[in-house]
Amino acid sequence: MNIESDERRYNSQVDTLLMVIEDRLDDLDDDIDVDGANGQLTLTFSDRSQMVISRQPAQQEIWVAAKSGGFHLKWNNDHWFCAVTGERFAVLLNRILEEQAGIQAEVFDPVQGF
């Protein structure tokens, strides 16, 4: 693959991922404000704390900023994995949603998720 096709694939994957995350959070009864703009999602919880999920095209990563820290995710074996914790993206998001917003359900399926 060339650089241009890698970039298109990356951007397509991230666009789809951000839409799935936004749609799933919109389906929840919990009060989460989801704002998608400029290649990122900003989630604002009822306590006014935020989580930001952003694309990093130069590194071909996804970065997550939350109260519990910053996380960099890379694509490997058909899933996004956190470089520090080793968690799949769905597991990481579920954990952050529980820690930061008190949502104790599996919002994202860790088996079929991303």
Protein backbone atom coordinates (compact mmCIF):
# COMPACT_ATOMS: atom_id res chain seq x y z
CA MET A 1 0.00 0.00 0.00
CA ASN A 2 1.12 3.53 -0.59
CA ILE A 3 0.94 6.41 1.86
CA GLU A 4 -2.14 7.94 0.25
CA SER A 5 -4.16 4.72 0.42
CA ASP A 6 -2.98 4.16 4.03
CA GLU A 7 -4.25 7.63 4.93
CA ARG A 8 -7.60 7.01 3.22
CA ARG A 9 -7.99 3.68 5.02
CA TYR A 10 -7.07 5.24 8.37
CA ASN A 11 -9.46 8.18 7.91
CA SER A 12 -12.28 5.88 6.80
CA GLN A 13 -11.75 3.62 9.84
CA VAL A 14 -11.71 6.55 12.24
CA ASP A 15 -14.75 8.23 10.63
CA THR A 16 -16.72 5.00 11.01
CA LEU A 17 -15.50 4.47 14.56
CA LEU A 18 -16.44 7.98 15.70
CA MET A 19 -19.91 7.60 14.15
CA VAL A 20 -20.43 4.27 15.94
CA ILE A 21 -19.34 5.77 19.26
CA GLU A 22 -21.58 8.82 18.81
CA ASP A 23 -24.60 6.69 17.80
CA ARG A 24 -24.15 4.29 20.72
CA LEU A 25 -23.83 7.12 23.25
CA ASP A 26 -26.88 8.88 21.81
CA ASP A 27 -28.87 5.66 22.45
CA LEU A 28 -28.09 5.75 26.19
CA ASP A 29 -30.48 7.13 28.77
CA ASP A 30 -27.53 8.77 30.54
CA ASP A 31 -26.96 12.50 30.17
CA ILE A 32 -23.90 12.64 27.92
CA ASP A 33 -23.48 15.53 25.53
CA VAL A 34 -21.63 14.35 22.41
CA ASP A 35 -20.09 16.97 20.16
CA GLY A 36 -18.36 15.85 16.98
CA ALA A 37 -16.21 18.40 15.19
CA ASN A 38 -12.78 18.71 13.60
CA GLY A 39 -12.08 14.97 13.60
CA GLN A 40 -12.80 14.43 17.25
CA LEU A 41 -15.59 13.68 19.70
CA THR A 42 -15.95 15.61 22.92
CA LEU A 43 -18.08 13.88 25.52
CA THR A 44 -19.37 16.05 28.35
CA PHE A 45 -20.83 14.22 31.34
CA SER A 46 -23.43 15.42 33.85
CA ASP A 47 -20.68 16.55 36.27
CA ARG A 48 -19.27 18.71 33.40
CA SER A 49 -16.13 16.58 33.12
CA GLN A 50 -15.08 15.66 29.62
CA MET A 51 -13.50 12.93 27.57
CA VAL A 52 -12.03 13.73 24.16
CA ILE A 53 -11.47 11.14 21.44
CA SER A 54 -9.35 12.50 18.62
CA ARG A 55 -7.69 11.30 15.46
CA GLN A 56 -3.93 11.69 15.08
CA PRO A 57 -3.30 11.11 11.36
CA ALA A 58 0.45 11.74 11.43
CA GLN A 59 0.85 8.84 13.87
CA GLN A 60 -2.17 6.93 12.53
CA GLU A 61 -3.43 6.70 16.09
CA ILE A 62 -6.50 7.59 18.12
CA TRP A 63 -5.93 9.54 21.31
CA VAL A 64 -8.27 9.58 24.28
CA ALA A 65 -8.03 12.22 26.98
CA ALA A 66 -9.98 11.57 30.18
CA LYS A 67 -9.76 12.27 33.91
CA SER A 68 -7.79 9.05 34.33
CA GLY A 69 -5.15 10.09 31.79
CA GLY A 70 -4.23 10.15 28.15
CA PHE A 71 -4.28 7.02 26.00
CA HIS A 72 -2.82 6.38 22.55
CA LEU A 73 -4.37 3.61 20.46
CA LYS A 74 -2.86 1.88 17.44
CA TRP A 75 -4.51 -0.41 14.88
CA ASN A 76 -3.30 -4.00 15.20
CA ASN A 77 -4.91 -7.33 14.28
CA ASP A 78 -8.19 -5.69 13.18
CA HIS A 79 -8.68 -3.75 16.43
CA TRP A 80 -7.54 -0.57 18.15
CA PHE A 81 -5.31 -1.29 21.16
CA CYS A 82 -4.05 1.07 23.86
CA ALA A 83 -0.25 1.26 23.75
CA VAL A 84 0.02 1.62 27.55
CA THR A 85 -2.68 -0.64 29.01
CA GLY A 86 -2.99 -3.15 26.17
CA GLU A 87 -6.78 -2.83 26.33
CA ARG A 88 -8.93 -2.96 23.24
CA PHE A 89 -10.66 0.33 22.57
CA ALA A 90 -14.12 -0.92 23.60
CA VAL A 91 -12.78 -2.14 26.95
CA LEU A 92 -10.98 1.16 27.55
CA LEU A 93 -14.09 3.21 26.73
CA ASN A 94 -16.29 1.07 28.99
CA ARG A 95 -13.78 1.50 31.84
CA ILE A 96 -13.55 5.27 31.39
CA LEU A 97 -17.35 5.61 31.19
CA GLU A 98 -17.66 3.71 34.47
CA GLU A 99 -14.88 5.62 36.23
CA GLN A 100 -15.79 9.08 35.01
CA ALA A 101 -19.55 8.97 34.46
CA GLY A 102 -20.65 6.09 36.69
CA ILE A 103 -22.10 4.14 33.75
CA GLN A 104 -21.77 0.53 34.84
CA ALA A 105 -23.01 -1.24 31.74
CA GLU A 106 -20.98 -2.52 28.82
CA VAL A 107 -21.80 0.29 26.47
CA PHE A 108 -19.39 -1.07 23.87
CA ASP A 109 -19.13 -4.80 23.17
CA PRO A 110 -15.56 -5.85 24.02
CA VAL A 111 -15.83 -8.99 21.87
CA GLN A 112 -17.35 -7.58 18.71
CA GLY A 113 -16.31 -4.00 19.36
CA PHE A 114 -13.35 -2.12 18.09
